[in-house]
């Protein structure tokens, strides 16, 4: 078993934002590469929201039509449950929680394995879901996420399904946070669905961000955090295995 570089799509997108925006500090980026786990109420709610999208049978159903989710005890009121149920019904034979990895080869480096997981495969269309407080199209337009998944799978279309949270309701059980404040939850959501498409320079753009990330990792002395033992066998990867160009171009 040999050691190979292993990077997640999420880490590459975090790195892109780090390069462009001041709110992601060196410390936060380095912690991400080291695998330091972070969480906040918005992330936990998003996890529970998509848990219900994918496995509604695991929710605790209340007499009102609302649900409680088991992982973080998030409360989804009836209006949100109805929107999610409608969204699920609109999908055509969906496959949920799809793992993917691809091998990117450069002439002057060992293979680099990119891994990820997206929410829904619907035929030959990749879909990924988000929850947000305020919808901003450019946040998704600039993302590396859809670019890498299209490149890794060789597909033509990626759709974001973004549920924008609207209004608040108080927790029906009177639950409070760690500071003793009454918990509130989104009262409703508005769905924004929009596609992105493969384009001629897609592979070049993905390779560029891999090269930028690897340069940062080497500069900061973090190679041990992106290196792991891995037996490479092409049958374990998606069909689109890229190769041929110099990493250092």
Protein backbone atom coordinates (compact mmCIF):
# COMPACT_ATOMS: atom_id res chain seq x y z
CA UNK A 1 0.00 0.00 0.00
CA UNK A 2 1.45 3.37 -1.08
CA UNK A 3 0.92 6.89 0.25
CA UNK A 4 -1.05 9.30 -1.92
CA UNK A 5 -2.39 12.82 -1.62
CA UNK A 6 -6.07 12.87 -0.71
CA UNK A 7 -8.16 16.08 -0.81
CA UNK A 8 -11.89 16.64 -0.40
CA UNK A 9 -13.95 18.87 -2.67
CA UNK A 10 -15.18 20.73 0.42
CA UNK A 11 -11.60 21.54 1.46
CA UNK A 12 -10.79 22.84 -2.02
CA UNK A 13 -13.85 25.11 -1.93
CA UNK A 14 -12.85 26.38 1.52
CA UNK A 15 -9.39 27.11 0.12
CA UNK A 16 -10.84 29.06 -2.81
CA UNK A 17 -12.75 31.23 -0.33
CA UNK A 18 -9.64 31.60 1.81
CA UNK A 19 -7.74 32.98 -1.18
CA UNK A 20 -10.49 35.47 -1.99
CA UNK A 21 -12.05 36.53 1.33
CA UNK A 22 -10.60 37.87 4.57
CA UNK A 23 -13.07 36.13 6.87
CA UNK A 24 -11.27 32.80 6.45
CA UNK A 25 -8.04 33.15 8.42
CA UNK A 26 -4.78 31.22 8.07
CA UNK A 27 -5.63 29.43 11.31
CA UNK A 28 -9.08 28.37 10.09
CA UNK A 29 -7.70 27.12 6.78
CA UNK A 30 -4.89 25.18 8.43
CA UNK A 31 -7.32 23.64 10.94
CA UNK A 32 -9.47 22.54 8.01
CA UNK A 33 -6.53 20.80 6.38
CA UNK A 34 -5.60 19.17 9.70
CA UNK A 35 -9.12 17.80 10.00
CA UNK A 36 -10.18 19.83 13.04
CA UNK A 37 -13.96 19.42 13.33
CA UNK A 38 -16.12 22.52 13.76
CA UNK A 39 -19.86 22.95 14.14
CA UNK A 40 -22.44 25.64 14.82
CA UNK A 41 -26.24 25.77 15.11
CA UNK A 42 -26.71 26.61 11.42
CA UNK A 43 -24.61 23.60 10.36
CA UNK A 44 -26.46 21.28 12.74
CA UNK A 45 -29.81 22.52 11.45
CA UNK A 46 -28.68 21.99 7.87
CA UNK A 47 -27.62 18.44 8.71
CA UNK A 48 -31.02 17.68 10.25
CA UNK A 49 -32.88 19.36 7.39
CA UNK A 50 -31.17 17.16 4.79
CA UNK A 51 -31.53 14.12 7.00
CA UNK A 52 -35.28 14.61 6.65
CA UNK A 53 -34.98 15.11 2.87
CA UNK A 54 -33.09 11.82 2.52
CA UNK A 55 -34.66 9.70 5.27
CA UNK A 56 -38.04 11.13 6.34
CA UNK A 57 -38.95 7.81 7.93
CA UNK A 58 -36.36 8.47 10.66
CA UNK A 59 -38.05 11.68 11.84
CA UNK A 60 -40.18 11.83 14.98
CA UNK A 61 -43.56 13.02 13.77
CA UNK A 62 -45.64 15.34 15.95
CA UNK A 63 -49.47 15.51 15.95
CA UNK A 64 -49.30 18.96 14.34
CA UNK A 65 -47.57 17.60 11.21
CA UNK A 66 -44.23 19.02 12.32
CA UNK A 67 -41.22 16.79 12.96
CA UNK A 68 -38.24 16.51 15.28
CA UNK A 69 -35.00 15.18 13.89
CA UNK A 70 -33.01 12.67 15.95
CA UNK A 71 -29.43 13.84 15.43
CA UNK A 72 -29.56 17.41 16.78
CA UNK A 73 -33.23 17.63 17.86
CA UNK A 74 -34.01 20.25 15.22
CA UNK A 75 -37.65 21.24 14.88
CA UNK A 76 -39.17 21.41 11.39
CA UNK A 77 -42.66 22.98 11.46
CA UNK A 78 -45.47 21.74 9.27
CA UNK A 79 -44.88 24.36 6.54
CA UNK A 80 -41.29 23.21 6.04
CA UNK A 81 -42.21 19.53 6.16
CA UNK A 82 -44.75 20.15 3.39
CA UNK A 83 -42.14 21.94 1.23
CA UNK A 84 -39.65 19.11 1.66
CA UNK A 85 -42.24 16.46 0.91
CA UNK A 86 -43.18 18.34 -2.26
CA UNK A 87 -39.52 18.60 -3.27
CA UNK A 88 -38.96 14.88 -2.73
CA UNK A 89 -42.04 14.05 -4.80
CA UNK A 90 -40.67 16.13 -7.70
CA UNK A 91 -37.46 14.08 -7.98
CA UNK A 92 -37.36 11.34 -10.60
CA UNK A 93 -35.97 8.08 -9.14
CA UNK A 94 -33.37 9.88 -6.99
CA UNK A 95 -30.28 8.26 -5.48
CA UNK A 96 -29.35 10.03 -2.24
CA UNK A 97 -25.92 10.63 -0.66
CA UNK A 98 -23.63 9.77 -3.55
CA UNK A 99 -19.89 9.34 -2.78
CA UNK A 100 -17.42 10.04 -5.56
CA UNK A 101 -13.66 10.17 -6.00
CA UNK A 102 -11.37 10.72 -8.94
CA UNK A 103 -7.67 10.53 -9.58
CA UNK A 104 -5.91 13.57 -11.04
CA UNK A 105 -2.49 12.82 -12.45
CA UNK A 106 0.36 15.23 -13.13
CA UNK A 107 3.62 14.42 -14.88
CA UNK A 108 5.78 15.51 -11.93
CA UNK A 109 3.75 14.34 -8.91
CA UNK A 110 2.20 11.12 -7.62
CA UNK A 111 -1.56 10.84 -8.27
CA UNK A 112 -3.82 13.17 -6.30
CA UNK A 113 -7.15 11.73 -5.19
CA UNK A 114 -10.11 14.12 -4.96
CA UNK A 115 -13.09 12.89 -2.97
CA UNK A 116 -16.55 14.18 -2.24
CA UNK A 117 -20.19 13.42 -1.61
CA UNK A 118 -23.25 15.13 -3.05
CA UNK A 119 -26.89 14.86 -2.11
CA UNK A 120 -28.82 13.54 -5.10
CA UNK A 121 -28.18 11.83 -8.43
CA UNK A 122 -31.25 12.13 -10.63
CA UNK A 123 -30.59 10.25 -13.84
CA UNK A 124 -27.52 11.95 -15.29
CA UNK A 125 -28.09 15.19 -13.33
CA UNK A 126 -26.12 15.95 -10.16
CA UNK A 127 -28.06 17.83 -7.47
CA UNK A 128 -26.85 19.24 -4.17
CA UNK A 129 -28.93 20.86 -1.47
CA UNK A 130 -28.23 23.75 0.87
CA UNK A 131 -30.00 25.74 3.55
CA UNK A 132 -29.24 29.43 3.96
CA UNK A 133 -30.41 32.48 5.84
CA UNK A 134 -30.09 34.89 2.91
CA UNK A 135 -29.91 33.73 -0.68
CA UNK A 136 -26.97 34.95 -2.79
CA UNK A 137 -26.66 33.43 -6.27
CA UNK A 138 -22.99 34.44 -6.64
CA UNK A 139 -22.05 32.28 -3.65
CA UNK A 140 -22.96 29.25 -5.72
CA UNK A 141 -21.95 30.55 -9.14
CA UNK A 142 -18.32 30.93 -8.03
CA UNK A 143 -18.12 27.63 -6.14
CA UNK A 144 -15.66 24.86 -6.95
CA UNK A 145 -18.15 22.28 -5.72
CA UNK A 146 -20.25 22.03 -8.87
CA UNK A 147 -17.17 22.34 -11.07
CA UNK A 148 -15.38 19.39 -9.49
CA UNK A 149 -18.42 17.13 -9.41
CA UNK A 150 -19.11 17.76 -13.10
CA UNK A 151 -15.46 17.12 -13.95
CA UNK A 152 -15.14 14.05 -11.73
CA UNK A 153 -18.26 12.39 -13.12
CA UNK A 154 -18.07 13.68 -16.68
CA UNK A 155 -21.66 14.91 -16.52
CA UNK A 156 -23.10 18.02 -18.15
CA UNK A 157 -25.49 19.54 -15.59
CA UNK A 158 -25.41 20.25 -11.85
CA UNK A 159 -28.41 21.70 -10.00
CA UNK A 160 -28.33 23.47 -6.64
CA UNK A 161 -31.47 23.21 -4.53
CA UNK A 162 -31.16 26.02 -1.99
CA UNK A 163 -33.76 26.33 0.74
CA UNK A 164 -33.78 29.89 2.05
CA UNK A 165 -35.00 30.10 5.64
CA UNK A 166 -37.87 32.50 6.28
CA UNK A 167 -39.30 33.79 9.58
CA UNK A 168 -38.95 32.17 13.00
CA UNK A 169 -41.05 30.14 15.40
CA UNK A 170 -40.34 29.43 19.04
CA UNK A 171 -39.45 25.92 20.08
CA UNK A 172 -42.77 24.25 21.00
CA UNK A 173 -41.19 22.50 23.99
CA UNK A 174 -39.66 25.70 25.32
CA UNK A 175 -36.13 24.37 24.78
CA UNK A 176 -33.31 26.78 25.51
CA UNK A 177 -29.74 27.14 24.32
CA UNK A 178 -26.60 26.96 26.47
CA UNK A 179 -27.05 30.61 27.45
CA UNK A 180 -30.62 30.06 28.56
CA UNK A 181 -32.24 31.78 25.58
CA UNK A 182 -35.42 30.31 24.14
CA UNK A 183 -34.64 28.41 20.96
CA UNK A 184 -36.22 29.57 17.72
CA UNK A 185 -36.41 27.72 14.41
CA UNK A 186 -37.10 28.73 10.80
CA UNK A 187 -40.84 29.02 10.21
CA UNK A 188 -40.75 28.36 6.48
CA UNK A 189 -38.42 28.02 3.50
CA UNK A 190 -38.32 29.21 -0.09
CA UNK A 191 -36.72 26.89 -2.64
CA UNK A 192 -34.28 28.28 -5.22
CA UNK A 193 -33.27 25.68 -7.83
CA UNK A 194 -30.82 26.61 -10.58
CA UNK A 195 -28.40 24.76 -12.88
CA UNK A 196 -24.77 25.05 -13.84
CA UNK A 197 -23.25 23.38 -16.88
CA UNK A 198 -19.96 21.89 -17.96
CA UNK A 199 -17.81 24.19 -20.11
CA UNK A 200 -14.62 23.76 -22.19
CA UNK A 201 -12.21 25.14 -19.56
CA UNK A 202 -13.69 23.15 -16.67
CA UNK A 203 -10.88 20.61 -16.34
CA UNK A 204 -8.25 23.34 -16.56
CA UNK A 205 -9.93 25.32 -13.78
CA UNK A 206 -10.12 22.29 -11.49
CA UNK A 207 -6.46 21.47 -12.06
CA UNK A 208 -5.51 25.09 -11.36
CA UNK A 209 -7.12 24.98 -7.90
CA UNK A 210 -5.51 21.64 -7.08
CA UNK A 211 -2.12 23.17 -7.95
CA UNK A 212 -2.79 26.29 -5.86
CA UNK A 213 -3.89 24.20 -2.90
CA UNK A 214 -0.87 21.91 -3.07
CA UNK A 215 1.48 24.90 -3.23
CA UNK A 216 -0.13 26.23 -0.03
CA UNK A 217 0.12 22.84 1.70
CA UNK A 218 3.81 22.56 0.87
CA UNK A 219 4.53 26.14 1.93
CA UNK A 220 2.88 25.58 5.32
CA UNK A 221 4.49 22.16 5.86
CA UNK A 222 1.14 20.33 5.95
CA UNK A 223 1.79 17.41 3.59
CA UNK A 224 1.34 14.85 6.37
CA UNK A 225 -2.31 15.94 6.72
CA UNK A 226 -3.19 15.30 3.07
CA UNK A 227 -1.21 12.07 2.71
CA UNK A 228 -2.66 8.66 3.48
CA UNK A 229 -2.03 5.06 2.50
CA UNK A 230 -4.11 4.06 -0.48
CA UNK A 231 -4.04 1.22 -2.99
CA UNK A 232 -4.79 2.81 -6.35
CA UNK A 233 -6.90 0.76 -8.70
CA UNK A 234 -8.59 2.56 -11.59
CA UNK A 235 -11.77 0.49 -11.17
CA UNK A 236 -12.30 2.18 -7.78
CA UNK A 237 -12.62 5.60 -9.39
CA UNK A 238 -15.08 7.42 -11.58
CA UNK A 239 -14.40 6.96 -15.31
CA UNK A 240 -12.95 10.43 -15.88
CA UNK A 241 -9.36 10.05 -14.66
CA UNK A 242 -7.33 13.06 -15.74
CA UNK A 243 -3.65 12.98 -16.61
CA UNK A 244 -0.77 14.39 -18.51
CA UNK A 245 0.04 17.98 -17.57
CA UNK A 246 2.70 19.33 -15.25
CA UNK A 247 1.58 20.24 -11.75
CA UNK A 248 3.98 23.18 -11.75
CA UNK A 249 2.72 24.92 -14.89
